[in-house]
N, C-alpha and C. Protein backbone atom coordinates (compact mmCIF):
# COMPACT_ATOMS: atom_id res chain seq x y z
N UNK A 1 0.72 34.47 23.25
CA UNK A 1 1.75 35.09 24.05
C UNK A 1 3.12 34.89 23.40
N UNK A 2 3.38 33.66 22.92
CA UNK A 2 4.67 33.39 22.29
C UNK A 2 4.86 34.21 21.02
N UNK A 3 3.80 34.38 20.27
CA UNK A 3 3.87 35.18 19.04
C UNK A 3 4.20 36.63 19.39
N UNK A 4 3.55 37.16 20.42
CA UNK A 4 3.83 38.53 20.85
C UNK A 4 5.26 38.68 21.36
N UNK A 5 5.76 37.68 22.05
CA UNK A 5 7.14 37.72 22.54
C UNK A 5 8.13 37.73 21.37
N UNK A 6 7.84 36.94 20.32
CA UNK A 6 8.71 36.92 19.14
C UNK A 6 8.71 38.28 18.45
N UNK A 7 7.50 38.89 18.33
CA UNK A 7 7.40 40.22 17.72
C UNK A 7 8.17 41.25 18.54
N UNK A 8 8.05 41.18 19.84
CA UNK A 8 8.75 42.11 20.72
C UNK A 8 10.26 41.94 20.60
N UNK A 9 10.73 40.70 20.55
CA UNK A 9 12.17 40.44 20.41
C UNK A 9 12.67 40.96 19.07
N UNK A 10 11.88 40.77 18.02
CA UNK A 10 12.27 41.26 16.70
C UNK A 10 12.34 42.79 16.69
N UNK A 11 11.36 43.44 17.26
CA UNK A 11 11.36 44.90 17.32
C UNK A 11 12.51 45.43 18.18
N UNK A 12 12.82 44.74 19.26
CA UNK A 12 13.93 45.14 20.12
C UNK A 12 15.26 45.03 19.37
N UNK A 13 15.42 43.95 18.59
CA UNK A 13 16.64 43.78 17.79
C UNK A 13 16.76 44.88 16.73
N UNK A 14 15.66 45.20 16.09
CA UNK A 14 15.69 46.26 15.07
C UNK A 14 16.01 47.61 15.68
N UNK A 15 15.44 47.88 16.83
CA UNK A 15 15.72 49.15 17.52
C UNK A 15 17.18 49.23 17.92
N UNK A 16 17.74 48.15 18.42
CA UNK A 16 19.16 48.12 18.79
C UNK A 16 20.04 48.34 17.56
N UNK A 17 19.67 47.74 16.42
CA UNK A 17 20.44 47.93 15.19
C UNK A 17 20.38 49.39 14.73
N UNK A 18 19.23 50.01 14.84
CA UNK A 18 19.10 51.43 14.47
C UNK A 18 19.94 52.32 15.39
N UNK A 19 19.94 52.03 16.68
CA UNK A 19 20.75 52.82 17.61
C UNK A 19 22.23 52.67 17.30
N UNK A 20 22.66 51.46 16.97
CA UNK A 20 24.06 51.23 16.61
C UNK A 20 24.42 52.02 15.36
N UNK A 21 23.54 52.02 14.39
CA UNK A 21 23.81 52.73 13.14
C UNK A 21 23.87 54.24 13.36
N UNK A 22 23.00 54.78 14.20
CA UNK A 22 23.02 56.22 14.43
C UNK A 22 24.25 56.65 15.23
N UNK A 23 24.74 55.79 16.10
CA UNK A 23 25.94 56.13 16.87
C UNK A 23 27.18 56.17 16.00
N UNK A 24 27.23 55.35 14.97
CA UNK A 24 28.45 55.26 14.16
C UNK A 24 28.30 55.88 12.78
N UNK A 25 27.30 56.71 12.58
CA UNK A 25 27.10 57.30 11.26
C UNK A 25 28.13 58.38 10.98
N UNK A 26 28.29 58.68 9.71
CA UNK A 26 29.23 59.70 9.26
C UNK A 26 28.64 61.08 9.56
N UNK A 27 29.38 61.91 10.26
CA UNK A 27 28.90 63.23 10.62
C UNK A 27 29.62 64.29 9.79
N UNK A 28 28.85 65.08 9.07
CA UNK A 28 29.40 66.12 8.20
C UNK A 28 30.15 67.19 9.02
N UNK A 29 29.65 67.49 10.20
CA UNK A 29 30.27 68.54 11.02
C UNK A 29 31.70 68.20 11.39
N UNK A 30 31.97 66.93 11.70
CA UNK A 30 33.35 66.53 12.03
C UNK A 30 34.27 66.71 10.84
N UNK A 31 33.78 66.40 9.64
CA UNK A 31 34.57 66.59 8.43
C UNK A 31 34.88 68.07 8.22
N UNK A 32 33.87 68.91 8.33
CA UNK A 32 34.08 70.34 8.12
C UNK A 32 35.02 70.94 9.16
N UNK A 33 34.92 70.47 10.40
CA UNK A 33 35.82 70.95 11.44
C UNK A 33 37.26 70.57 11.11
N UNK A 34 37.48 69.35 10.62
CA UNK A 34 38.84 68.92 10.27
C UNK A 34 39.37 69.73 9.10
N UNK A 35 38.52 70.03 8.12
CA UNK A 35 38.98 70.80 6.96
C UNK A 35 39.38 72.22 7.34
N UNK A 36 38.76 72.76 8.40
CA UNK A 36 39.15 74.10 8.88
C UNK A 36 40.59 74.13 9.37
N UNK A 37 41.08 72.98 9.80
CA UNK A 37 42.41 72.92 10.40
C UNK A 37 43.53 72.74 9.38
N UNK A 38 43.18 72.58 8.10
CA UNK A 38 44.18 72.40 7.05
C UNK A 38 44.53 73.77 6.49
N UNK A 39 45.80 74.14 6.58
CA UNK A 39 46.24 75.40 5.98
C UNK A 39 47.53 75.16 5.23
N UNK A 40 47.49 75.49 3.96
CA UNK A 40 48.69 75.51 3.13
C UNK A 40 48.63 76.83 2.39
N UNK A 41 49.71 77.59 2.46
CA UNK A 41 49.74 78.92 1.87
C UNK A 41 49.43 78.88 0.38
N UNK A 42 48.59 79.80 -0.05
CA UNK A 42 48.18 79.99 -1.45
C UNK A 42 47.26 78.88 -1.97
N UNK A 43 46.72 78.05 -1.10
CA UNK A 43 45.77 77.02 -1.53
C UNK A 43 44.42 77.35 -0.88
N UNK A 44 43.40 77.39 -1.73
CA UNK A 44 42.05 77.71 -1.25
C UNK A 44 41.10 76.61 -1.68
N UNK A 45 40.38 76.05 -0.74
CA UNK A 45 39.39 75.01 -1.00
C UNK A 45 38.18 75.68 -1.65
N UNK A 46 37.76 75.15 -2.81
CA UNK A 46 36.65 75.77 -3.54
C UNK A 46 35.40 74.91 -3.59
N UNK A 47 35.54 73.59 -3.39
CA UNK A 47 34.37 72.72 -3.50
C UNK A 47 34.57 71.47 -2.66
N UNK A 48 33.49 71.05 -2.01
CA UNK A 48 33.48 69.80 -1.24
C UNK A 48 32.30 68.98 -1.74
N UNK A 49 32.56 67.73 -2.09
CA UNK A 49 31.49 66.83 -2.52
C UNK A 49 31.61 65.55 -1.72
N UNK A 50 30.52 65.16 -1.06
CA UNK A 50 30.51 63.94 -0.26
C UNK A 50 29.58 62.93 -0.92
N UNK A 51 30.11 61.76 -1.25
CA UNK A 51 29.31 60.67 -1.81
C UNK A 51 29.23 59.56 -0.77
N UNK A 52 28.02 59.25 -0.35
CA UNK A 52 27.78 58.17 0.59
C UNK A 52 26.95 57.11 -0.11
N UNK A 53 27.51 55.93 -0.23
CA UNK A 53 26.80 54.82 -0.86
C UNK A 53 26.59 53.73 0.19
N UNK A 54 25.42 53.14 0.16
CA UNK A 54 25.09 52.06 1.07
C UNK A 54 24.75 50.83 0.23
N UNK A 55 25.51 49.77 0.42
CA UNK A 55 25.32 48.54 -0.34
C UNK A 55 24.74 47.49 0.60
N UNK A 56 23.51 47.08 0.30
CA UNK A 56 22.80 46.13 1.16
C UNK A 56 23.08 44.69 0.73
N UNK A 57 23.28 43.85 1.71
CA UNK A 57 23.43 42.41 1.49
C UNK A 57 22.26 41.72 2.18
N UNK A 58 21.52 40.95 1.41
CA UNK A 58 20.33 40.28 1.95
C UNK A 58 20.73 39.17 2.92
N UNK A 59 19.90 38.92 3.91
CA UNK A 59 20.21 37.81 4.83
C UNK A 59 20.04 36.47 4.12
N UNK A 60 20.75 35.47 4.61
CA UNK A 60 20.59 34.11 4.08
C UNK A 60 19.92 33.26 5.14
N UNK A 61 19.11 32.34 4.70
CA UNK A 61 18.40 31.46 5.62
C UNK A 61 19.26 30.24 5.96
N UNK A 62 19.00 29.63 7.09
CA UNK A 62 19.73 28.39 7.41
C UNK A 62 19.43 27.32 6.36
N UNK A 63 20.45 26.52 6.02
CA UNK A 63 20.26 25.48 5.00
C UNK A 63 20.58 24.12 5.60
N UNK A 64 19.79 23.14 5.22
CA UNK A 64 20.03 21.77 5.69
C UNK A 64 20.86 21.05 4.64
N UNK A 65 21.93 20.42 5.10
CA UNK A 65 22.76 19.58 4.25
C UNK A 65 22.93 18.26 4.96
N UNK A 66 22.18 17.30 4.50
CA UNK A 66 22.24 15.99 5.16
C UNK A 66 21.71 16.07 6.57
N UNK A 67 22.58 15.68 7.52
CA UNK A 67 22.19 15.68 8.93
C UNK A 67 22.41 17.03 9.60
N UNK A 68 23.19 17.93 8.99
CA UNK A 68 23.50 19.21 9.65
C UNK A 68 22.70 20.35 9.05
N UNK A 69 22.65 21.38 9.85
CA UNK A 69 22.03 22.62 9.41
C UNK A 69 23.10 23.70 9.42
N UNK A 70 23.34 24.30 8.25
CA UNK A 70 24.29 25.41 8.17
C UNK A 70 23.57 26.68 8.58
N UNK A 71 24.16 27.44 9.51
CA UNK A 71 23.46 28.64 9.98
C UNK A 71 23.38 29.69 8.88
N UNK A 72 22.34 30.47 8.91
CA UNK A 72 22.18 31.58 7.97
C UNK A 72 22.98 32.79 8.44
N UNK A 73 23.08 33.76 7.58
CA UNK A 73 23.79 34.99 7.90
C UNK A 73 22.78 36.14 7.96
N UNK A 74 22.92 37.03 8.93
CA UNK A 74 22.02 38.18 8.97
C UNK A 74 22.35 39.15 7.83
N UNK A 75 21.39 39.93 7.45
CA UNK A 75 21.62 40.95 6.43
C UNK A 75 22.58 42.01 6.95
N UNK A 76 23.21 42.71 6.04
CA UNK A 76 24.14 43.77 6.44
C UNK A 76 24.11 44.91 5.43
N UNK A 77 24.68 46.01 5.82
CA UNK A 77 24.79 47.17 4.95
C UNK A 77 26.23 47.66 5.04
N UNK A 78 26.86 47.86 3.87
CA UNK A 78 28.21 48.39 3.83
C UNK A 78 28.13 49.85 3.41
N UNK A 79 28.75 50.71 4.23
CA UNK A 79 28.75 52.14 3.98
C UNK A 79 30.08 52.51 3.33
N UNK A 80 30.00 53.14 2.16
CA UNK A 80 31.21 53.58 1.44
C UNK A 80 31.12 55.10 1.28
N UNK A 81 32.15 55.80 1.78
CA UNK A 81 32.15 57.26 1.74
C UNK A 81 33.38 57.74 0.99
N UNK A 82 33.15 58.62 0.02
CA UNK A 82 34.23 59.24 -0.74
C UNK A 82 33.99 60.75 -0.71
N UNK A 83 35.00 61.50 -0.27
CA UNK A 83 34.91 62.95 -0.22
C UNK A 83 35.86 63.51 -1.27
N UNK A 84 35.31 64.31 -2.18
CA UNK A 84 36.12 64.95 -3.22
C UNK A 84 36.31 66.41 -2.85
N UNK A 85 37.55 66.84 -2.83
CA UNK A 85 37.89 68.22 -2.49
C UNK A 85 38.54 68.88 -3.69
N UNK A 86 37.95 69.96 -4.16
CA UNK A 86 38.54 70.72 -5.26
C UNK A 86 39.13 71.99 -4.66
N UNK A 87 40.36 72.27 -5.03
CA UNK A 87 41.06 73.43 -4.47
C UNK A 87 41.80 74.16 -5.58
N UNK A 88 42.25 75.36 -5.24
CA UNK A 88 42.94 76.23 -6.18
C UNK A 88 44.30 76.59 -5.61
N UNK A 89 45.35 76.30 -6.36
CA UNK A 89 46.72 76.62 -5.95
C UNK A 89 47.18 77.82 -6.77
N UNK A 90 47.33 78.95 -6.09
CA UNK A 90 47.77 80.18 -6.77
C UNK A 90 49.13 80.63 -6.25
N UNK A 91 49.99 79.67 -5.96
CA UNK A 91 51.33 79.99 -5.48
C UNK A 91 52.17 80.55 -6.63
N UNK A 92 53.39 80.97 -6.33
CA UNK A 92 54.27 81.55 -7.35
C UNK A 92 54.50 80.58 -8.50
N UNK A 93 54.59 79.29 -8.19
CA UNK A 93 54.71 78.26 -9.21
C UNK A 93 53.50 77.34 -9.04
N UNK A 94 52.38 77.63 -9.73
CA UNK A 94 51.14 76.87 -9.51
C UNK A 94 51.34 75.37 -9.67
N UNK A 95 50.86 74.65 -8.69
CA UNK A 95 50.99 73.20 -8.68
C UNK A 95 51.98 72.70 -7.64
N UNK A 96 52.86 73.58 -7.15
CA UNK A 96 53.85 73.17 -6.15
C UNK A 96 53.22 72.83 -4.81
N UNK A 97 52.10 73.43 -4.49
CA UNK A 97 51.49 73.26 -3.18
C UNK A 97 50.52 72.07 -3.12
N UNK A 98 50.29 71.42 -4.25
CA UNK A 98 49.30 70.33 -4.29
C UNK A 98 49.70 69.20 -3.35
N UNK A 99 50.93 68.73 -3.45
CA UNK A 99 51.38 67.63 -2.58
C UNK A 99 51.45 68.05 -1.12
N UNK A 100 51.78 69.31 -0.87
CA UNK A 100 51.81 69.80 0.52
C UNK A 100 50.40 69.78 1.11
N UNK A 101 49.41 70.16 0.31
CA UNK A 101 48.03 70.14 0.78
C UNK A 101 47.57 68.71 1.02
N UNK A 102 47.91 67.83 0.10
CA UNK A 102 47.55 66.41 0.23
C UNK A 102 48.16 65.83 1.50
N UNK A 103 49.44 66.12 1.76
CA UNK A 103 50.10 65.62 2.97
C UNK A 103 49.51 66.23 4.24
N UNK A 104 49.16 67.52 4.18
CA UNK A 104 48.56 68.17 5.35
C UNK A 104 47.23 67.53 5.71
N UNK A 105 46.44 67.16 4.69
CA UNK A 105 45.18 66.46 4.94
C UNK A 105 45.42 65.12 5.60
N UNK A 106 46.33 64.35 5.01
CA UNK A 106 46.58 62.98 5.50
C UNK A 106 47.15 62.96 6.91
N UNK A 107 47.81 64.03 7.35
CA UNK A 107 48.44 64.07 8.68
C UNK A 107 47.48 64.48 9.79
N UNK A 108 46.33 65.02 9.45
CA UNK A 108 45.38 65.42 10.49
C UNK A 108 44.87 64.19 11.24
N UNK A 109 44.73 64.28 12.56
CA UNK A 109 44.26 63.12 13.34
C UNK A 109 42.90 62.58 12.86
N UNK A 110 41.99 63.46 12.49
CA UNK A 110 40.67 63.02 12.02
C UNK A 110 40.82 62.13 10.78
N UNK A 111 41.60 62.59 9.81
CA UNK A 111 41.76 61.82 8.59
C UNK A 111 42.60 60.57 8.81
N UNK A 112 43.55 60.62 9.73
CA UNK A 112 44.35 59.43 10.03
C UNK A 112 43.46 58.28 10.52
N UNK A 113 42.47 58.61 11.33
CA UNK A 113 41.62 57.56 11.89
C UNK A 113 40.49 57.16 10.95
N UNK A 114 40.06 58.04 10.07
CA UNK A 114 38.88 57.78 9.24
C UNK A 114 39.19 57.24 7.85
N UNK A 115 40.37 57.58 7.31
CA UNK A 115 40.66 57.22 5.92
C UNK A 115 41.16 55.79 5.77
N UNK A 116 40.94 55.26 4.59
CA UNK A 116 41.46 53.95 4.21
C UNK A 116 42.99 54.03 4.23
N UNK A 117 43.68 53.13 4.92
CA UNK A 117 45.14 53.25 5.05
C UNK A 117 45.91 53.07 3.74
N UNK A 118 45.36 52.35 2.77
CA UNK A 118 46.12 52.10 1.54
C UNK A 118 45.96 53.21 0.50
N UNK A 119 44.78 53.71 0.31
CA UNK A 119 44.58 54.76 -0.70
C UNK A 119 43.71 55.88 -0.12
N UNK A 120 44.08 56.39 1.01
CA UNK A 120 43.29 57.39 1.72
C UNK A 120 43.07 58.67 0.95
N UNK A 121 44.13 59.34 0.54
CA UNK A 121 44.02 60.60 -0.21
C UNK A 121 44.73 60.42 -1.53
N UNK A 122 44.01 60.66 -2.62
CA UNK A 122 44.59 60.51 -3.94
C UNK A 122 44.30 61.74 -4.78
N UNK A 123 45.27 62.13 -5.59
CA UNK A 123 45.09 63.21 -6.55
C UNK A 123 44.39 62.62 -7.77
N UNK A 124 43.22 63.14 -8.11
CA UNK A 124 42.48 62.60 -9.24
C UNK A 124 42.40 63.56 -10.42
N UNK A 125 42.70 64.83 -10.20
CA UNK A 125 42.64 65.78 -11.30
C UNK A 125 43.57 66.96 -11.01
N UNK A 126 44.30 67.38 -12.03
CA UNK A 126 45.17 68.55 -11.94
C UNK A 126 45.05 69.29 -13.26
N UNK A 127 44.54 70.52 -13.22
CA UNK A 127 44.32 71.28 -14.45
C UNK A 127 45.63 71.90 -14.93
N UNK A 128 45.60 72.35 -16.15
CA UNK A 128 46.73 73.11 -16.68
C UNK A 128 46.69 74.50 -16.07
N UNK A 129 47.82 75.19 -16.01
CA UNK A 129 47.81 76.55 -15.43
C UNK A 129 46.85 77.47 -16.18
N UNK A 130 46.12 78.25 -15.40
CA UNK A 130 45.16 79.22 -15.93
C UNK A 130 45.45 80.57 -15.32
N UNK A 131 44.90 81.62 -15.92
CA UNK A 131 45.08 82.96 -15.38
C UNK A 131 43.75 83.47 -14.88
N UNK A 132 43.75 83.96 -13.64
CA UNK A 132 42.52 84.47 -13.03
C UNK A 132 42.24 85.89 -13.42
N UNK A 133 41.12 86.42 -12.96
CA UNK A 133 40.72 87.79 -13.26
C UNK A 133 41.68 88.81 -12.66
N UNK A 134 42.41 88.41 -11.64
CA UNK A 134 43.39 89.30 -11.01
C UNK A 134 44.75 89.24 -11.70
N UNK A 135 44.87 88.43 -12.75
CA UNK A 135 46.13 88.32 -13.49
C UNK A 135 47.10 87.30 -12.94
N UNK A 136 46.74 86.63 -11.84
CA UNK A 136 47.63 85.62 -11.23
C UNK A 136 47.34 84.25 -11.83
N UNK A 137 48.39 83.47 -12.01
CA UNK A 137 48.24 82.11 -12.52
C UNK A 137 47.83 81.19 -11.38
N UNK A 138 47.06 80.15 -11.73
CA UNK A 138 46.64 79.16 -10.74
C UNK A 138 46.36 77.83 -11.44
N UNK A 139 46.29 76.78 -10.64
CA UNK A 139 45.82 75.48 -11.12
C UNK A 139 44.72 75.00 -10.19
N UNK A 140 43.77 74.30 -10.76
CA UNK A 140 42.74 73.65 -9.97
C UNK A 140 43.11 72.18 -9.83
N UNK A 141 42.88 71.62 -8.66
CA UNK A 141 43.15 70.20 -8.46
C UNK A 141 42.06 69.59 -7.60
N UNK A 142 41.89 68.29 -7.77
CA UNK A 142 40.88 67.56 -7.00
C UNK A 142 41.53 66.39 -6.29
N UNK A 143 41.30 66.33 -5.00
CA UNK A 143 41.76 65.21 -4.18
C UNK A 143 40.56 64.37 -3.78
N UNK A 144 40.75 63.07 -3.77
CA UNK A 144 39.69 62.16 -3.37
C UNK A 144 40.10 61.50 -2.06
N UNK A 145 39.26 61.63 -1.05
CA UNK A 145 39.50 61.03 0.26
C UNK A 145 38.59 59.81 0.39
N UNK A 146 39.20 58.63 0.46
CA UNK A 146 38.46 57.38 0.56
C UNK A 146 38.41 56.94 2.02
N UNK A 147 37.23 57.00 2.58
CA UNK A 147 37.06 56.63 3.98
C UNK A 147 36.97 55.11 4.10
N UNK A 148 37.28 54.63 5.29
CA UNK A 148 37.22 53.20 5.59
C UNK A 148 35.77 52.73 5.43
N UNK A 149 35.58 51.61 4.72
CA UNK A 149 34.23 51.04 4.58
C UNK A 149 33.79 50.44 5.91
N UNK A 150 32.53 50.61 6.24
CA UNK A 150 31.97 50.04 7.47
C UNK A 150 30.80 49.14 7.11
N UNK A 151 30.84 47.93 7.63
CA UNK A 151 29.74 47.00 7.42
C UNK A 151 29.01 46.83 8.74
N UNK A 152 27.73 47.02 8.67
CA UNK A 152 26.89 46.93 9.87
C UNK A 152 25.81 45.90 9.65
């Protein structure tokens, strides 16, 4: 009976951990909805790439040191999310709208709550001016959105 109770308690704990993880998981739909709300004239979003990395930390067992027992630590998983946005600035002076787009992203309520406060949105790539098939000049740029890491 005691063995079955231990198994049941273990399964209950695992189920609770899974429910917690599903409640706080990253939802792609919320990201896409927020991106719909960003508008900067002459800037068009051309690519979205979402990288989700999960770094597992193994649990540690309790250790005895002399007369005391140091408690162990439960295992955890750290979720790291980076969203790369590639866009095209075809304004009269290509490249002028890049910072405006970056600021517009950072000011949205969704990004304010989700992004890392120190390096939330960063410009990682800015191409040289190019000419499109329509004869208009443009630049391509990539912004990296670093979301707050979550450890569960």
